[in-house]
Amino acid sequence: MDQELPPDNVAASGERRFATDIRAGLSHAQKSIPCHYFYDEPGSLLFEQITQLDEYYPSRTETGILQACVSEIAAGVREGTVLVEFGSGSSVKTDLILAACPEIRVYIPIDVSTTMLDSAKRRLETKFLTLAVEPLVGDFTSQTALPRHLSQRPRLGFFPGSTIGNFGHEPAVALLAGFRALLGPRSRLIVGADLRKSPEILVAAYNDAAGVTAAFNLNLLGRINRELGGTFDLSAFRHDATYDVAAGRIDMWLVSMRDQSATAAGQTFQFANGERIHTEISQKYSIEELRRLASRAGWKPDKVWTDQQGLFSVHELHSPA
């Protein structure tokens, strides 16, 4: 029988995992930090600012697509449906789904930020009076079960924001398979995926003029300092984002601007001038690439919606009985 850990144990377990991942990632020849550590409280707030930037087209483009197709999504929603959102953040796009689907009775946002979850719960339960919001605090990649009292209800998954691009092809297949196992047979999943496009548009989106993405990236080192006794000098690193045309992906980096050392989680690491720490990938897909990945994960690809410029796509997937 699964047993939930007390909050203090959950926090301690998360800190141990963070320390282990940082020691491992910074010990490799190609140093790296897993991108899911971006989203502590300051990181989550910075990402919300990123979504409002002129250069960062994905959020507003996906919102426009959802506004145009939400009636089609709603057509398949059954009475009593549970909406499960993976990596919910501020849950802003969720309003579009909930407003069009009064049949949804329970909303389960999954996110690492308790501040975001608490805020979303208050806002949505005030706005949608017949809706129960049951947040799950944690990494959505590790969720293995939903609350038992909801096990017999129809389920709709929601995975917006092109977050799937952070996983690369093979990990994305595993992630989608995990979502299918969690949501169960006869479920549906709505996935947002960024499309391949001109390098100029992509590089600008991840190197914004205001420096918000740089602050978001550097916050990783700030988080290490705050939570793992780190000694990183944030002014000695700079943000960079590059586009690999052949692979169809953005890579984000933290670049050391001098020879230096820093301590984290009880271990000291050396950095050469110009050495890069890899912090994120953002895979861009063609429509057919995403549909193939979904099929490999056991989903049946159905409808696809895009914007007129062909910047972004929203996919509807079905889990067979």
C-alpha atoms as a PDB file:
ATOM      1  CA  MET A   1       0.000   0.000   0.000  1.00  0.00           C
ATOM      2  CA  ASP A   2       1.293   3.442  -0.913  1.00  0.00           C
ATOM      3  CA  GLN A   3       1.848   5.738   2.031  1.00  0.00           C
ATOM      4  CA  GLU A   4       2.317   9.488   1.821  1.00  0.00           C
ATOM      5  CA  LEU A   5       5.396  10.882   3.534  1.00  0.00           C
ATOM      6  CA  PRO A   6       4.893  13.595   6.184  1.00  0.00           C
ATOM      7  CA  PRO A   7       5.661  17.075   4.789  1.00  0.00           C
ATOM      8  CA  ASP A   8       9.024  17.305   6.596  1.00  0.00           C
ATOM      9  CA  ASN A   9      10.112  13.969   5.127  1.00  0.00           C
ATOM     10  CA  VAL A  10       8.982  15.000   1.644  1.00  0.00           C
ATOM     11  CA  ALA A  11      11.059  18.184   1.906  1.00  0.00           C
ATOM     12  CA  ALA A  12      14.094  16.281   3.219  1.00  0.00           C
ATOM     13  CA  SER A  13      13.802  13.686   0.471  1.00  0.00           C
ATOM     14  CA  GLY A  14      13.583  16.402  -2.181  1.00  0.00           C
ATOM     15  CA  GLU A  15      16.648  18.179  -0.783  1.00  0.00           C
ATOM     16  CA  ARG A  16      18.661  14.938  -0.801  1.00  0.00           C
ATOM     17  CA  ARG A  17      17.667  14.279  -4.417  1.00  0.00           C
ATOM     18  CA  PHE A  18      18.558  17.866  -5.363  1.00  0.00           C
ATOM     19  CA  ALA A  19      21.986  17.519  -3.722  1.00  0.00           C
ATOM     20  CA  THR A  20      22.616  14.162  -5.416  1.00  0.00           C
ATOM     21  CA  ASP A  21      21.626  15.499  -8.842  1.00  0.00           C
ATOM     22  CA  ILE A  22      23.797  18.595  -8.487  1.00  0.00           C
ATOM     23  CA  ARG A  23      26.866  16.647  -7.354  1.00  0.00           C
ATOM     24  CA  ALA A  24      26.413  14.228 -10.271  1.00  0.00           C
ATOM     25  CA  GLY A  25      25.612  16.851 -12.913  1.00  0.00           C
ATOM     26  CA  LEU A  26      28.537  19.129 -12.038  1.00  0.00           C
ATOM     27  CA  SER A  27      30.998  16.210 -11.869  1.00  0.00           C
ATOM     28  CA  HIS A  28      30.632  15.193 -15.525  1.00  0.00           C
ATOM     29  CA  ALA A  29      32.966  16.372 -18.279  1.00  0.00           C
ATOM     30  CA  GLN A  30      29.933  18.188 -19.740  1.00  0.00           C
ATOM     31  CA  LYS A  31      28.490  19.780 -16.643  1.00  0.00           C
ATOM     32  CA  SER A  32      24.696  19.971 -16.428  1.00  0.00           C
ATOM     33  CA  ILE A  33      21.806  20.780 -14.098  1.00  0.00           C
ATOM     34  CA  PRO A  34      18.404  19.086 -14.623  1.00  0.00           C
ATOM     35  CA  CYS A  35      15.922  21.653 -15.917  1.00  0.00           C
ATOM     36  CA  HIS A  36      13.130  20.731 -13.479  1.00  0.00           C
ATOM     37  CA  TYR A  37      15.122  22.544 -10.769  1.00  0.00           C
ATOM     38  CA  PHE A  38      14.290  25.855 -12.482  1.00  0.00           C
ATOM     39  CA  TYR A  39      10.912  25.946 -10.757  1.00  0.00           C
ATOM     40  CA  ASP A  40      11.387  26.963  -7.158  1.00  0.00           C
ATOM     41  CA  GLU A  41       9.291  29.947  -6.066  1.00  0.00           C
ATOM     42  CA  PRO A  42      11.529  32.658  -7.617  1.00  0.00           C
ATOM     43  CA  GLY A  43      11.992  30.565 -10.761  1.00  0.00           C
ATOM     44  CA  SER A  44       8.274  30.010 -11.195  1.00  0.00           C
ATOM     45  CA  LEU A  45       7.611  33.745 -10.892  1.00  0.00           C
ATOM     46  CA  LEU A  46      10.355  34.533 -13.408  1.00  0.00           C
ATOM     47  CA  PHE A  47       8.909  32.034 -15.868  1.00  0.00           C
ATOM     48  CA  GLU A  48       5.523  33.728 -15.612  1.00  0.00           C
ATOM     49  CA  GLN A  49       7.288  36.969 -16.587  1.00  0.00           C
ATOM     50  CA  ILE A  50       8.925  35.197 -19.544  1.00  0.00           C
ATOM     51  CA  THR A  51       5.515  34.178 -20.893  1.00  0.00           C
ATOM     52  CA  GLN A  52       4.587  37.869 -21.173  1.00  0.00           C
ATOM     53  CA  LEU A  53       7.649  38.904 -23.181  1.00  0.00           C
ATOM     54  CA  ASP A  54       7.270  40.140 -26.769  1.00  0.00           C
ATOM     55  CA  GLU A  55       9.937  37.705 -27.991  1.00  0.00           C
ATOM     56  CA  TYR A  56       8.404  34.689 -26.278  1.00  0.00           C
ATOM     57  CA  TYR A  57       5.663  33.708 -28.721  1.00  0.00           C
ATOM     58  CA  PRO A  58       4.717  30.193 -27.403  1.00  0.00           C
ATOM     59  CA  SER A  59       2.383  31.240 -24.584  1.00  0.00           C
ATOM     60  CA  ARG A  60       0.279  33.780 -26.447  1.00  0.00           C
ATOM     61  CA  THR A  61       0.239  31.640 -29.609  1.00  0.00           C
ATOM     62  CA  GLU A  62      -0.907  28.540 -27.735  1.00  0.00           C
ATOM     63  CA  THR A  63      -3.546  30.595 -25.920  1.00  0.00           C
ATOM     64  CA  GLY A  64      -4.876  31.809 -29.274  1.00  0.00           C
ATOM     65  CA  ILE A  65      -5.062  28.249 -30.589  1.00  0.00           C
ATOM     66  CA  LEU A  66      -6.890  27.063 -27.477  1.00  0.00           C
ATOM     67  CA  GLN A  67      -9.381  29.908 -27.744  1.00  0.00           C
ATOM     68  CA  ALA A  68     -10.113  28.829 -31.308  1.00  0.00           C
ATOM     69  CA  CYS A  69     -10.384  25.076 -30.683  1.00  0.00           C
ATOM     70  CA  VAL A  70     -11.720  24.812 -27.132  1.00  0.00           C
ATOM     71  CA  SER A  71     -15.286  24.121 -28.301  1.00  0.00           C
ATOM     72  CA  GLU A  72     -13.988  21.066 -30.162  1.00  0.00           C
ATOM     73  CA  ILE A  73     -12.122  19.905 -27.065  1.00  0.00           C
ATOM     74  CA  ALA A  74     -15.260  20.437 -24.984  1.00  0.00           C
ATOM     75  CA  ALA A  75     -17.357  18.288 -27.303  1.00  0.00           C
ATOM     76  CA  GLY A  76     -15.710  15.140 -25.953  1.00  0.00           C
ATOM     77  CA  VAL A  77     -15.902  15.999 -22.242  1.00  0.00           C
ATOM     78  CA  ARG A  78     -18.252  13.823 -20.198  1.00  0.00           C
ATOM     79  CA  GLU A  79     -20.152  14.733 -17.033  1.00  0.00           C
ATOM     80  CA  GLY A  80     -18.042  14.428 -13.886  1.00  0.00           C
ATOM     81  CA  THR A  81     -14.711  14.585 -15.741  1.00  0.00           C
ATOM     82  CA  VAL A  82     -11.490  15.098 -13.799  1.00  0.00           C
ATOM     83  CA  LEU A  83      -9.037  17.534 -15.432  1.00  0.00           C
ATOM     84  CA  VAL A  84      -5.389  16.741 -14.637  1.00  0.00           C
ATOM     85  CA  GLU A  85      -2.781  19.348 -15.558  1.00  0.00           C
ATOM     86  CA  PHE A  86       0.894  18.391 -15.600  1.00  0.00           C
ATOM     87  CA  GLY A  87       3.173  21.256 -14.506  1.00  0.00           C
ATOM     88  CA  SER A  88       0.278  23.646 -13.991  1.00  0.00           C
ATOM     89  CA  GLY A  89       2.130  26.825 -12.930  1.00  0.00           C
ATOM     90  CA  SER A  90      -0.392  29.669 -12.622  1.00  0.00           C
ATOM     91  CA  SER A  91      -3.129  27.621 -14.392  1.00  0.00           C
ATOM     92  CA  VAL A  92      -4.037  30.605 -16.601  1.00  0.00           C
ATOM     93  CA  LYS A  93      -4.677  28.581 -19.776  1.00  0.00           C
ATOM     94  CA  THR A  94      -6.778  26.183 -17.734  1.00  0.00           C
ATOM     95  CA  ASP A  95      -9.484  28.842 -17.454  1.00  0.00           C
ATOM     96  CA  LEU A  96     -10.243  28.370 -21.155  1.00  0.00           C
ATOM     97  CA  ILE A  97     -10.857  24.638 -20.691  1.00  0.00           C
ATOM     98  CA  LEU A  98     -12.899  25.031 -17.514  1.00  0.00           C
ATOM     99  CA  ALA A  99     -15.082  27.819 -18.907  1.00  0.00           C
ATOM    100  CA  ALA A 100     -15.964  25.707 -21.960  1.00  0.00           C
ATOM    101  CA  CYS A 101     -16.454  22.464 -20.015  1.00  0.00           C
ATOM    102  CA  PRO A 102     -18.916  22.783 -17.109  1.00  0.00           C
ATOM    103  CA  GLU A 103     -18.943  18.968 -17.044  1.00  0.00           C
ATOM    104  CA  ILE A 104     -15.499  19.079 -15.365  1.00  0.00           C
ATOM    105  CA  ARG A 105     -16.087  18.713 -11.626  1.00  0.00           C
ATOM    106  CA  VAL A 106     -12.555  18.220 -10.296  1.00  0.00           C
ATOM    107  CA  TYR A 107      -9.308  19.903 -11.302  1.00  0.00           C
ATOM    108  CA  ILE A 108      -5.981  18.372 -10.230  1.00  0.00           C
ATOM    109  CA  PRO A 109      -3.051  20.715 -10.888  1.00  0.00           C
ATOM    110  CA  ILE A 110       0.372  19.086 -10.408  1.00  0.00           C
ATOM    111  CA  ASP A 111       3.266  21.447  -9.731  1.00  0.00           C
ATOM    112  CA  VAL A 112       6.312  21.855  -7.501  1.00  0.00           C
ATOM    113  CA  SER A 113       5.307  25.372  -6.426  1.00  0.00           C
ATOM    114  CA  THR A 114       2.949  25.422  -3.444  1.00  0.00           C
ATOM    115  CA  THR A 115       2.538  29.186  -3.894  1.00  0.00           C
ATOM    116  CA  MET A 116       1.292  28.750  -7.466  1.00  0.00           C
ATOM    117  CA  LEU A 117      -0.987  25.866  -6.476  1.00  0.00           C
ATOM    118  CA  ASP A 118      -2.522  27.716  -3.523  1.00  0.00           C
ATOM    119  CA  SER A 119      -3.116  30.809  -5.643  1.00  0.00           C
ATOM    120  CA  ALA A 120      -4.704  28.774  -8.456  1.00  0.00           C
ATOM    121  CA  LYS A 121      -6.969  26.914  -6.035  1.00  0.00           C
ATOM    122  CA  ARG A 122      -8.304  30.131  -4.481  1.00  0.00           C
ATOM    123  CA  ARG A 123      -8.816  31.830  -7.823  1.00  0.00           C
ATOM    124  CA  LEU A 124     -10.454  28.915  -9.654  1.00  0.00           C
ATOM    125  CA  GLU A 125     -12.772  27.818  -6.847  1.00  0.00           C
ATOM    126  CA  THR A 126     -13.974  31.424  -6.581  1.00  0.00           C
ATOM    127  CA  LYS A 127     -14.511  31.671 -10.341  1.00  0.00           C
ATOM    128  CA  PHE A 128     -16.004  28.191 -10.928  1.00  0.00           C
ATOM    129  CA  LEU A 129     -18.348  27.549  -8.030  1.00  0.00           C
ATOM    130  CA  THR A 130     -19.103  23.895  -8.855  1.00  0.00           C
ATOM    131  CA  LEU A 131     -15.411  22.996  -9.258  1.00  0.00           C
ATOM    132  CA  ALA A 132     -13.288  21.214  -6.649  1.00  0.00           C
ATOM    133  CA  VAL A 133      -9.541  21.904  -6.932  1.00  0.00           C
ATOM    134  CA  GLU A 134      -7.312  19.190  -5.458  1.00  0.00           C
ATOM    135  CA  PRO A 135      -3.659  20.187  -5.962  1.00  0.00           C
ATOM    136  CA  LEU A 136      -0.802  17.687  -5.962  1.00  0.00           C
ATOM    137  CA  VAL A 137       2.553  19.135  -4.879  1.00  0.00           C
ATOM    138  CA  GLY A 138       5.495  17.545  -6.641  1.00  0.00           C
ATOM    139  CA  ASP A 139       7.290  16.698  -9.853  1.00  0.00           C
ATOM    140  CA  PHE A 140       4.697  15.663 -12.444  1.00  0.00           C
ATOM    141  CA  THR A 141       7.169  13.188 -13.966  1.00  0.00           C
ATOM    142  CA  SER A 142       7.070  11.070 -10.810  1.00  0.00           C
ATOM    143  CA  GLN A 143       3.311  10.960 -10.140  1.00  0.00           C
ATOM    144  CA  THR A 144       2.086   7.361 -10.197  1.00  0.00           C
ATOM    145  CA  ALA A 145      -1.501   7.624  -8.941  1.00  0.00           C
ATOM    146  CA  LEU A 146      -4.390  10.030  -8.600  1.00  0.00           C
ATOM    147  CA  PRO A 147      -6.650  10.201  -5.528  1.00  0.00           C
ATOM    148  CA  ARG A 148      -8.514   6.895  -5.181  1.00  0.00           C
ATOM    149  CA  HIS A 149     -11.943   8.478  -4.776  1.00  0.00           C
ATOM    150  CA  LEU A 150     -11.649   9.746  -8.364  1.00  0.00           C
ATOM    151  CA  SER A 151     -10.658   6.419  -9.895  1.00  0.00           C
ATOM    152  CA  GLN A 152     -13.977   5.787 -11.669  1.00  0.00           C
ATOM    153  CA  ARG A 153     -14.362   9.223 -13.230  1.00  0.00           C
ATOM    154  CA  PRO A 154     -13.506  10.095 -16.852  1.00  0.00           C
ATOM    155  CA  ARG A 155     -10.172  11.889 -17.118  1.00  0.00           C
ATOM    156  CA  LEU A 156      -8.804  14.621 -19.345  1.00  0.00           C
ATOM    157  CA  GLY A 157      -5.081  15.405 -19.210  1.00  0.00           C
ATOM    158  CA  PHE A 158      -3.685  18.846 -20.052  1.00  0.00           C
ATOM    159  CA  PHE A 159       0.009  19.407 -20.818  1.00  0.00           C
ATOM    160  CA  PRO A 160       0.392  22.884 -22.348  1.00  0.00           C
ATOM    161  CA  GLY A 161       3.351  25.196 -22.832  1.00  0.00           C
ATOM    162  CA  SER A 162       5.485  22.894 -24.989  1.00  0.00           C
ATOM    163  CA  THR A 163       6.982  21.490 -21.795  1.00  0.00           C
ATOM    164  CA  ILE A 164       7.254  18.194 -23.652  1.00  0.00           C
ATOM    165  CA  GLY A 165      10.162  19.783 -25.535  1.00  0.00           C
ATOM    166  CA  ASN A 166      12.268  19.724 -22.362  1.00  0.00           C
ATOM    167  CA  PHE A 167      12.560  15.946 -22.519  1.00  0.00           C
ATOM    168  CA  GLY A 168      13.969  15.053 -25.942  1.00  0.00           C
ATOM    169  CA  HIS A 169      12.573  12.257 -28.085  1.00  0.00           C
ATOM    170  CA  GLU A 170      13.075   9.079 -26.039  1.00  0.00           C
ATOM    171  CA  PRO A 171      12.339  10.636 -22.622  1.00  0.00           C
ATOM    172  CA  ALA A 172       9.230  12.237 -24.166  1.00  0.00           C
ATOM    173  CA  VAL A 173       7.942   8.805 -25.187  1.00  0.00           C
ATOM    174  CA  ALA A 174       8.468   7.551 -21.626  1.00  0.00           C
ATOM    175  CA  LEU A 175       6.760  10.652 -20.220  1.00  0.00           C
ATOM    176  CA  LEU A 176       3.700  10.276 -22.454  1.00  0.00           C
ATOM    177  CA  ALA A 177       3.508   6.577 -21.570  1.00  0.00           C
ATOM    178  CA  GLY A 178       3.554   7.552 -17.888  1.00  0.00           C
ATOM    179  CA  PHE A 179       0.732  10.037 -18.438  1.00  0.00           C
ATOM    180  CA  ARG A 180      -1.280   7.310 -20.176  1.00  0.00           C
ATOM    181  CA  ALA A 181      -0.743   4.937 -17.233  1.00  0.00           C
ATOM    182  CA  LEU A 182      -1.789   7.644 -14.780  1.00  0.00           C
ATOM    183  CA  LEU A 183      -4.881   8.787 -16.693  1.00  0.00           C
ATOM    184  CA  GLY A 184      -5.993   5.274 -17.608  1.00  0.00           C
ATOM    185  CA  PRO A 185      -7.945   3.770 -20.518  1.00  0.00           C
ATOM    186  CA  ARG A 186     -10.469   5.880 -22.451  1.00  0.00           C
ATOM    187  CA  SER A 187      -8.754   9.060 -21.248  1.00  0.00           C
ATOM    188  CA  ARG A 188      -7.759  12.021 -23.421  1.00  0.00           C
ATOM    189  CA  LEU A 189      -4.678  14.221 -23.357  1.00  0.00           C
ATOM    190  CA  ILE A 190      -4.259  17.730 -24.795  1.00  0.00           C
ATOM    191  CA  VAL A 191      -0.584  18.515 -25.487  1.00  0.00           C
ATOM    192  CA  GLY A 192       1.011  21.756 -26.655  1.00  0.00           C
ATOM    193  CA  ALA A 193       4.153  21.410 -28.795  1.00  0.00           C
ATOM    194  CA  ASP A 194       6.356  24.073 -30.341  1.00  0.00           C
ATOM    195  CA  LEU A 195       6.948  23.643 -34.081  1.00  0.00           C
ATOM    196  CA  ARG A 196      10.208  23.831 -36.021  1.00  0.00           C
ATOM    197  CA  LYS A 197      10.756  27.298 -37.475  1.00  0.00           C
ATOM    198  CA  SER A 198      13.343  29.929 -38.370  1.00  0.00           C
ATOM    199  CA  PRO A 199      16.400  30.010 -36.057  1.00  0.00           C
ATOM    200  CA  GLU A 200      16.099  33.796 -35.750  1.00  0.00           C
ATOM    201  CA  ILE A 201      12.663  33.543 -34.112  1.00  0.00           C
ATOM    202  CA  LEU A 202      13.767  30.747 -31.792  1.00  0.00           C
ATOM    203  CA  VAL A 203      17.032  32.271 -30.605  1.00  0.00           C
ATOM    204  CA  ALA A 204      15.324  35.609 -29.870  1.00  0.00           C
ATOM    205  CA  ALA A 205      12.660  33.844 -27.798  1.00  0.00           C
ATOM    206  CA  TYR A 206      15.320  32.404 -25.461  1.00  0.00           C
ATOM    207  CA  ASN A 207      17.663  35.437 -25.379  1.00  0.00           C
ATOM    208  CA  ASP A 208      15.183  38.230 -24.632  1.00  0.00           C
ATOM    209  CA  ALA A 209      16.368  41.812 -24.607  1.00  0.00           C
ATOM    210  CA  ALA A 210      15.101  42.477 -21.073  1.00  0.00           C
ATOM    211  CA  GLY A 211      17.226  39.678 -19.636  1.00  0.00           C
ATOM    212  CA  VAL A 212      14.368  37.850 -17.909  1.00  0.00           C
ATOM    213  CA  THR A 213      15.378  34.472 -19.349  1.00  0.00           C
ATOM    214  CA  ALA A 214      18.946  35.142 -18.205  1.00  0.00           C
ATOM    215  CA  ALA A 215      17.683  35.808 -14.669  1.00  0.00           C
ATOM    216  CA  PHE A 216      15.575  32.639 -14.842  1.00  0.00           C
ATOM    217  CA  ASN A 217      18.614  30.589 -15.882  1.00  0.00           C
ATOM    218  CA  LEU A 218      20.937  32.151 -13.294  1.00  0.00           C
ATOM    219  CA  ASN A 219      18.351  31.506 -10.585  1.00  0.00           C
ATOM    220  CA  LEU A 220      19.449  27.855 -10.763  1.00  0.00           C
ATOM    221  CA  LEU A 221      22.751  28.869  -9.208  1.00  0.00           C
ATOM    222  CA  GLY A 222      20.928  31.096  -6.741  1.00  0.00           C
ATOM    223  CA  ARG A 223      18.780  28.141  -5.715  1.00  0.00           C
ATOM    224  CA  ILE A 224      21.896  26.005  -5.187  1.00  0.00           C
ATOM    225  CA  ASN A 225      23.304  28.763  -2.975  1.00  0.00           C
ATOM    226  CA  ARG A 226      20.085  29.051  -0.970  1.00  0.00           C
ATOM    227  CA  GLU A 227      19.277  25.376  -0.532  1.00  0.00           C
ATOM    228  CA  LEU A 228      22.581  23.505  -0.774  1.00  0.00           C
ATOM    229  CA  GLY A 229      25.046  25.903   0.861  1.00  0.00           C
ATOM    230  CA  GLY A 230      26.426  26.928  -2.529  1.00  0.00           C
ATOM    231  CA  THR A 231      29.077  29.589  -3.067  1.00  0.00           C
ATOM    232  CA  PHE A 232      28.367  30.458  -6.716  1.00  0.00           C
ATOM    233  CA  ASP A 233      29.089  34.040  -7.776  1.00  0.00           C
ATOM    234  CA  LEU A 234      26.148  34.701 -10.116  1.00  0.00           C
ATOM    235  CA  SER A 235      27.919  37.709 -11.629  1.00  0.00           C
ATOM    236  CA  ALA A 236      30.686  35.368 -12.864  1.00  0.00           C
ATOM    237  CA  PHE A 237      28.306  33.395 -15.110  1.00  0.00           C
ATOM    238  CA  ARG A 238      26.244  34.478 -18.102  1.00  0.00           C
ATOM    239  CA  HIS A 239      23.216  33.032 -19.862  1.00  0.00           C
ATOM    240  CA  ASP A 240      23.327  31.741 -23.436  1.00  0.00           C
ATOM    241  CA  ALA A 241      20.859  29.943 -25.706  1.00  0.00           C
ATOM    242  CA  THR A 242      21.766  28.281 -28.997  1.00  0.00           C
ATOM    243  CA  TYR A 243      19.777  26.495 -31.692  1.00  0.00           C
ATOM    244  CA  ASP A 244      20.880  23.164 -33.184  1.00  0.00           C
ATOM    245  CA  VAL A 245      19.234  23.167 -36.609  1.00  0.00           C
ATOM    246  CA  ALA A 246      19.926  19.484 -37.331  1.00  0.00           C
ATOM    247  CA  ALA A 247      18.502  18.307 -34.002  1.00  0.00           C
ATOM    248  CA  GLY A 248      15.724  20.903 -34.069  1.00  0.00           C
ATOM    249  CA  ARG A 249      16.291  22.048 -30.509  1.00  0.00           C
ATOM    250  CA  ILE A 250      17.279  24.997 -28.354  1.00  0.00           C
ATOM    251  CA  ASP A 251      20.008  24.414 -25.751  1.00  0.00           C
ATOM    252  CA  MET A 252      20.352  26.719 -22.752  1.00  0.00           C
ATOM    253  CA  TRP A 253      23.655  27.188 -20.973  1.00  0.00           C
ATOM    254  CA  LEU A 254      25.310  28.964 -18.066  1.00  0.00           C
ATOM    255  CA  VAL A 255      28.772  30.075 -19.172  1.00  0.00           C
ATOM    256  CA  SER A 256      31.643  30.693 -16.752  1.00  0.00           C
ATOM    257  CA  MET A 257      33.243  34.074 -17.453  1.00  0.00           C
ATOM    258  CA  ARG A 258      36.552  33.271 -15.714  1.00  0.00           C
ATOM    259  CA  ASP A 259      38.502  30.431 -14.163  1.00  0.00           C
ATOM    260  CA  GLN A 260      36.819  29.830 -10.823  1.00  0.00           C
ATOM    261  CA  SER A 261      35.609  27.306  -8.276  1.00  0.00           C
ATOM    262  CA  ALA A 262      32.388  26.977  -6.331  1.00  0.00           C
ATOM    263  CA  THR A 263      31.117  24.683  -3.606  1.00  0.00           C
ATOM    264  CA  ALA A 264      27.693  23.041  -3.529  1.00  0.00           C
ATOM    265  CA  ALA A 265      26.253  20.182  -1.474  1.00  0.00           C
ATOM    266  CA  GLY A 266      29.594  19.717   0.275  1.00  0.00           C
ATOM    267  CA  GLN A 267      31.657  19.355  -2.897  1.00  0.00           C
ATOM    268  CA  THR A 268      33.915  21.808  -4.753  1.00  0.00           C
ATOM    269  CA  PHE A 269      33.756  22.165  -8.539  1.00  0.00           C
ATOM    270  CA  GLN A 270      36.211  23.833 -10.927  1.00  0.00           C
ATOM    271  CA  PHE A 271      35.121  25.930 -13.918  1.00  0.00           C
ATOM    272  CA  ALA A 272      37.378  27.098 -16.729  1.00  0.00           C
ATOM    273  CA  ASN A 273      36.873  30.421 -18.446  1.00  0.00           C
ATOM    274  CA  GLY A 274      34.216  29.825 -21.135  1.00  0.00           C
ATOM    275  CA  GLU A 275      33.136  26.443 -19.738  1.00  0.00           C
ATOM    276  CA  ARG A 276      29.413  25.749 -20.140  1.00  0.00           C
ATOM    277  CA  ILE A 277      26.834  24.196 -17.824  1.00  0.00           C
ATOM    278  CA  HIS A 278      23.948  22.705 -19.805  1.00  0.00           C
ATOM    279  CA  THR A 279      20.626  23.613 -18.169  1.00  0.00           C
ATOM    280  CA  GLU A 280      17.818  22.899 -20.649  1.00  0.00           C
ATOM    281  CA  ILE A 281      16.804  21.575 -24.020  1.00  0.00           C
ATOM    282  CA  SER A 282      13.684  22.760 -25.802  1.00  0.00           C
ATOM    283  CA  GLN A 283      12.908  20.341 -28.601  1.00  0.00           C
ATOM    284  CA  LYS A 284      10.945  21.632 -31.581  1.00  0.00           C
ATOM    285  CA  TYR A 285       8.785  19.173 -33.499  1.00  0.00           C
ATOM    286  CA  SER A 286       7.043  18.802 -36.786  1.00  0.00           C
ATOM    287  CA  ILE A 287       3.418  17.698 -36.411  1.00  0.00           C
ATOM    288  CA  GLU A 288       4.233  14.212 -37.670  1.00  0.00           C
ATOM    289  CA  GLU A 289       7.187  13.847 -35.285  1.00  0.00           C
ATOM    290  CA  LEU A 290       4.975  14.521 -32.282  1.00  0.00           C
ATOM    291  CA  ARG A 291       2.270  12.160 -33.522  1.00  0.00           C
ATOM    292  CA  ARG A 292       4.842   9.374 -33.953  1.00  0.00           C
ATOM    293  CA  LEU A 293       6.115   9.868 -30.406  1.00  0.00           C
ATOM    294  CA  ALA A 294       2.557   9.746 -29.057  1.00  0.00           C
ATOM    295  CA  SER A 295       1.837   6.529 -30.958  1.00  0.00           C
ATOM    296  CA  ARG A 296       4.957   4.901 -29.557  1.00  0.00           C
ATOM    297  CA  ALA A 297       3.743   5.809 -26.055  1.00  0.00           C
ATOM    298  CA  GLY A 298       0.452   3.994 -26.653  1.00  0.00           C
ATOM    299  CA  TRP A 299      -1.713   7.011 -27.470  1.00  0.00           C
ATOM    300  CA  LYS A 300      -3.901   7.287 -30.548  1.00  0.00           C
ATOM    301  CA  PRO A 301      -3.229  10.693 -32.168  1.00  0.00           C
ATOM    302  CA  ASP A 302      -6.398  12.511 -33.176  1.00  0.00           C
ATOM    303  CA  LYS A 303      -6.977  16.194 -33.952  1.00  0.00           C
ATOM    304  CA  VAL A 304      -4.234  18.802 -34.363  1.00  0.00           C
ATOM    305  CA  TRP A 305      -4.712  22.559 -34.240  1.00  0.00           C
ATOM    306  CA  THR A 306      -2.169  25.220 -35.253  1.00  0.00           C
ATOM    307  CA  ASP A 307      -1.969  29.003 -35.663  1.00  0.00           C
ATOM    308  CA  GLN A 308      -1.967  30.681 -39.077  1.00  0.00           C
ATOM    309  CA  GLN A 309       1.776  31.316 -38.962  1.00  0.00           C
ATOM    310  CA  GLY A 310       2.586  27.692 -38.162  1.00  0.00           C
ATOM    311  CA  LEU A 311       4.477  28.557 -34.976  1.00  0.00           C
ATOM    312  CA  PHE A 312       2.821  26.173 -32.515  1.00  0.00           C
ATOM    313  CA  SER A 313       0.591  23.097 -32.368  1.00  0.00           C
ATOM    314  CA  VAL A 314      -1.986  21.635 -29.972  1.00  0.00           C
ATOM    315  CA  HIS A 315      -2.607  17.880 -30.169  1.00  0.00           C
ATOM    316  CA  GLU A 316      -5.495  15.747 -28.976  1.00  0.00           C
ATOM    317  CA  LEU A 317      -4.542  12.179 -28.004  1.00  0.00           C
ATOM    318  CA  HIS A 318      -6.793   9.287 -26.968  1.00  0.00           C
ATOM    319  CA  SER A 319      -5.973   6.295 -24.796  1.00  0.00           C
ATOM    320  CA  PRO A 320      -7.591   3.159 -26.188  1.00  0.00           C
ATOM    321  CA  ALA A 321      -9.754   0.980 -23.968  1.00  0.00           C
END
